[in-house]
C-alpha atoms as a PDB file:
ATOM      1  CA  MET A   1     -11.736  -9.945-192.446  1.00  0.00           C
ATOM      2  CA  ARG A   2     -14.153  -9.283-189.648  1.00  0.00           C
ATOM      3  CA  ALA A   3     -11.923 -11.176-187.193  1.00  0.00           C
ATOM      4  CA  LEU A   4      -8.916  -9.096-188.285  1.00  0.00           C
ATOM      5  CA  ARG A   5     -10.827  -5.827-187.774  1.00  0.00           C
ATOM      6  CA  GLY A   6     -11.889  -6.924-184.281  1.00  0.00           C
ATOM      7  CA  ALA A   7      -8.320  -7.862-183.349  1.00  0.00           C
ATOM      8  CA  LEU A   8      -6.980  -4.497-184.540  1.00  0.00           C
ATOM      9  CA  ARG A   9      -9.666  -2.642-182.595  1.00  0.00           C
ATOM     10  CA  GLU A  10      -8.414  -4.251-179.341  1.00  0.00           C
ATOM     11  CA  GLU A  11      -4.764  -3.156-179.956  1.00  0.00           C
ATOM     12  CA  ARG A  12      -5.245   0.625-180.091  1.00  0.00           C
ATOM     13  CA  GLY A  13      -2.400   1.538-177.629  1.00  0.00           C
ATOM     14  CA  SER A  14      -2.265   3.059-174.175  1.00  0.00           C
ATOM     15  CA  SER A  15      -5.090   5.067-172.729  1.00  0.00           C
ATOM     16  CA  LEU A  16      -4.657   8.557-171.310  1.00  0.00           C
ATOM     17  CA  ILE A  17      -5.096   7.255-167.760  1.00  0.00           C
ATOM     18  CA  GLU A  18      -2.257   4.745-168.192  1.00  0.00           C
ATOM     19  CA  ILE A  19       0.077   7.444-169.511  1.00  0.00           C
ATOM     20  CA  MET A  20      -0.810   9.838-166.684  1.00  0.00           C
ATOM     21  CA  LEU A  21      -0.298   7.107-164.085  1.00  0.00           C
ATOM     22  CA  SER A  22       3.109   6.223-165.560  1.00  0.00           C
ATOM     23  CA  ALA A  23       4.198   9.872-165.617  1.00  0.00           C
ATOM     24  CA  THR A  24       3.109  10.309-161.986  1.00  0.00           C
ATOM     25  CA  LEU A  25       5.044   7.241-160.836  1.00  0.00           C
ATOM     26  CA  ILE A  26       8.167   8.386-162.684  1.00  0.00           C
ATOM     27  CA  GLY A  27       7.810  11.846-161.092  1.00  0.00           C
ATOM     28  CA  ILE A  28       7.549  10.347-157.605  1.00  0.00           C
ATOM     29  CA  ALA A  29      10.638   8.239-158.255  1.00  0.00           C
ATOM     30  CA  PHE A  30      12.636  11.299-159.408  1.00  0.00           C
ATOM     31  CA  VAL A  31      11.566  13.300-156.338  1.00  0.00           C
ATOM     32  CA  ALA A  32      12.706  10.466-154.059  1.00  0.00           C
ATOM     33  CA  ILE A  33      16.060  10.119-155.845  1.00  0.00           C
ATOM     34  CA  PHE A  34      16.819  13.849-155.862  1.00  0.00           C
ATOM     35  CA  GLY A  35      15.702  14.173-152.233  1.00  0.00           C
ATOM     36  CA  ALA A  36      18.148  11.470-151.199  1.00  0.00           C
ATOM     37  CA  LEU A  37      20.961  13.108-153.179  1.00  0.00           C
ATOM     38  CA  SER A  38      20.210  16.477-151.584  1.00  0.00           C
ATOM     39  CA  ALA A  39      20.216  14.995-148.079  1.00  0.00           C
ATOM     40  CA  GLY A  40      23.541  13.315-148.828  1.00  0.00           C
ATOM     41  CA  ALA A  41      25.071  16.581-150.027  1.00  0.00           C
ATOM     42  CA  ILE A  42      23.902  18.443-146.917  1.00  0.00           C
ATOM     43  CA  SER A  43      25.289  15.697-144.680  1.00  0.00           C
ATOM     44  CA  ALA A  44      28.640  15.780-146.493  1.00  0.00           C
ATOM     45  CA  GLN A  45      28.845  19.560-146.111  1.00  0.00           C
ATOM     46  CA  LYS A  46      28.146  19.357-142.372  1.00  0.00           C
ATOM     47  CA  ASN A  47      30.741  16.616-141.983  1.00  0.00           C
ATOM     48  CA  ASN A  48      33.279  18.775-143.849  1.00  0.00           C
ATOM     49  CA  LEU A  49      32.671  21.646-141.395  1.00  0.00           C
ATOM     50  CA  GLU A  50      33.172  19.328-138.428  1.00  0.00           C
ATOM     51  CA  VAL A  51      36.417  17.989-139.888  1.00  0.00           C
ATOM     52  CA  GLN A  52      37.726  21.533-140.467  1.00  0.00           C
ATOM     53  CA  VAL A  53      36.954  22.461-136.852  1.00  0.00           C
ATOM     54  CA  GLU A  54      38.599  19.255-135.558  1.00  0.00           C
ATOM     55  CA  VAL A  55      41.744  19.956-137.612  1.00  0.00           C
ATOM     56  CA  ALA A  56      41.890  23.518-136.265  1.00  0.00           C
ATOM     57  CA  LEU A  57      41.535  22.192-132.691  1.00  0.00           C
ATOM     58  CA  SER A  58      44.294  19.677-133.259  1.00  0.00           C
ATOM     59  CA  THR A  59      46.578  22.341-134.768  1.00  0.00           C
ATOM     60  CA  ALA A  60      45.850  24.704-131.871  1.00  0.00           C
ATOM     61  CA  LYS A  61      46.572  21.974-129.344  1.00  0.00           C
ATOM     62  CA  GLY A  62      49.898  21.238-131.050  1.00  0.00           C
ATOM     63  CA  SER A  63      50.839  24.930-131.080  1.00  0.00           C
ATOM     64  CA  LEU A  64      49.964  25.265-127.413  1.00  0.00           C
ATOM     65  CA  ALA A  65      52.022  22.191-126.532  1.00  0.00           C
ATOM     66  CA  GLN A  66      55.087  23.788-128.151  1.00  0.00           C
ATOM     67  CA  THR A  67      54.794  27.047-126.217  1.00  0.00           C
ATOM     68  CA  ALA A  68      56.394  27.593-122.846  1.00  0.00           C
ATOM     69  CA  PHE A  69      54.242  27.687-119.725  1.00  0.00           C
ATOM     70  CA  ASP A  70      53.015  31.176-118.854  1.00  0.00           C
ATOM     71  CA  ALA A  71      51.331  31.632-115.463  1.00  0.00           C
ATOM     72  CA  THR A  72      49.643  34.825-116.703  1.00  0.00           C
ATOM     73  CA  GLY A  73      48.034  32.905-119.585  1.00  0.00           C
ATOM     74  CA  THR A  74      49.092  35.303-122.345  1.00  0.00           C
ATOM     75  CA  TYR A  75      49.336  32.627-125.014  1.00  0.00           C
ATOM     76  CA  GLY A  76      47.275  34.738-127.410  1.00  0.00           C
ATOM     77  CA  THR A  77      50.263  36.790-128.555  1.00  0.00           C
ATOM     78  CA  ILE A  78      51.878  33.767-130.199  1.00  0.00           C
ATOM     79  CA  PHE A  79      48.697  31.954-131.059  1.00  0.00           C
ATOM     80  CA  PRO A  80      46.799  32.396-134.361  1.00  0.00           C
ATOM     81  CA  THR A  81      43.173  33.575-134.113  1.00  0.00           C
ATOM     82  CA  THR A  82      42.186  31.714-137.282  1.00  0.00           C
ATOM     83  CA  ILE A  83      43.389  28.382-138.616  1.00  0.00           C
ATOM     84  CA  ASN A  84      42.243  27.584-142.162  1.00  0.00           C
ATOM     85  CA  GLY A  85      39.288  29.953-141.789  1.00  0.00           C
ATOM     86  CA  VAL A  86      38.213  28.513-138.438  1.00  0.00           C
ATOM     87  CA  SER A  87      37.934  30.986-135.562  1.00  0.00           C
ATOM     88  CA  VAL A  88      40.040  29.820-132.614  1.00  0.00           C
ATOM     89  CA  SER A  89      40.175  31.284-129.105  1.00  0.00           C
ATOM     90  CA  LEU A  90      42.079  30.426-125.938  1.00  0.00           C
ATOM     91  CA  ASN A  91      40.641  30.797-122.453  1.00  0.00           C
ATOM     92  CA  PRO A  92      43.329  30.049-119.864  1.00  0.00           C
ATOM     93  CA  SER A  93      42.313  29.623-116.233  1.00  0.00           C
ATOM     94  CA  PRO A  94      44.412  31.072-113.419  1.00  0.00           C
ATOM     95  CA  ALA A  95      47.440  28.942-112.560  1.00  0.00           C
ATOM     96  CA  VAL A  96      46.956  26.761-109.466  1.00  0.00           C
ATOM     97  CA  ALA A  97      49.049  24.439-107.334  1.00  0.00           C
ATOM     98  CA  ALA A  98      48.806  20.706-107.944  1.00  0.00           C
ATOM     99  CA  PRO A  99      50.632  17.629-106.612  1.00  0.00           C
ATOM    100  CA  GLY A 100      53.976  17.326-108.384  1.00  0.00           C
ATOM    101  CA  TYR A 101      53.889  20.953-109.558  1.00  0.00           C
ATOM    102  CA  ALA A 102      55.232  24.115-107.968  1.00  0.00           C
ATOM    103  CA  LEU A 103      52.801  26.632-106.514  1.00  0.00           C
ATOM    104  CA  GLY A 104      50.820  28.325-109.276  1.00  0.00           C
ATOM    105  CA  SER A 105      52.260  26.274-112.070  1.00  0.00           C
ATOM    106  CA  LEU A 106      49.331  24.296-113.487  1.00  0.00           C
ATOM    107  CA  GLN A 107      46.550  25.785-115.553  1.00  0.00           C
ATOM    108  CA  ALA A 108      43.700  24.569-117.705  1.00  0.00           C
ATOM    109  CA  VAL A 109      43.555  26.180-121.135  1.00  0.00           C
ATOM    110  CA  THR A 110      40.268  25.835-122.988  1.00  0.00           C
ATOM    111  CA  ILE A 111      40.522  26.016-126.770  1.00  0.00           C
ATOM    112  CA  VAL A 112      37.324  26.860-128.662  1.00  0.00           C
ATOM    113  CA  ALA A 113      37.110  26.495-132.440  1.00  0.00           C
ATOM    114  CA  SER A 114      34.068  27.494-134.468  1.00  0.00           C
ATOM    115  CA  LEU A 115      33.039  27.783-138.109  1.00  0.00           C
ATOM    116  CA  ASN A 116      29.556  28.549-139.461  1.00  0.00           C
ATOM    117  CA  GLY A 117      27.752  27.465-136.296  1.00  0.00           C
ATOM    118  CA  THR A 118      29.841  24.348-135.713  1.00  0.00           C
ATOM    119  CA  THR A 119      31.712  24.763-132.417  1.00  0.00           C
ATOM    120  CA  LYS A 120      33.998  22.347-130.596  1.00  0.00           C
ATOM    121  CA  THR A 121      35.876  22.765-127.335  1.00  0.00           C
ATOM    122  CA  ILE A 122      38.884  21.027-125.821  1.00  0.00           C
ATOM    123  CA  THR A 123      40.674  21.602-122.508  1.00  0.00           C
ATOM    124  CA  VAL A 124      44.454  21.235-122.351  1.00  0.00           C
ATOM    125  CA  TYR A 125      46.434  21.328-119.115  1.00  0.00           C
ATOM    126  CA  LYS A 126      49.683  23.293-119.177  1.00  0.00           C
ATOM    127  CA  GLY A 127      52.180  22.847-116.369  1.00  0.00           C
ATOM    128  CA  ASN A 128      55.571  23.971-115.211  1.00  0.00           C
ATOM    129  CA  ARG A 129      57.428  21.368-113.143  1.00  0.00           C
END
């Protein structure tokens, strides 16, 4: 009987320190997991913005390619200022002469697209042969 009482006394369960240590470790693990998920969501959102801006640039470039050359650079009248919520602007340079082109019939047109702080720029050359 005495041996049984001694054995039961040794099997009383977990101490308060063990429980607190386990809870702390589980808390640290949850913080690490949720931090990684949050960082992934922020990265995905930024990537989505960049893709939207790239699509707007590509659409603007296609629209500009379909328009006729204009030495005055007034492409803005036929060009949309927003594409899928992305702000788009055209900045044509003055037309210049170039080999293979008539005088004043080549110009660089810079297209700028921006959305929520994400800005991308592309330069397209328009010519009249």
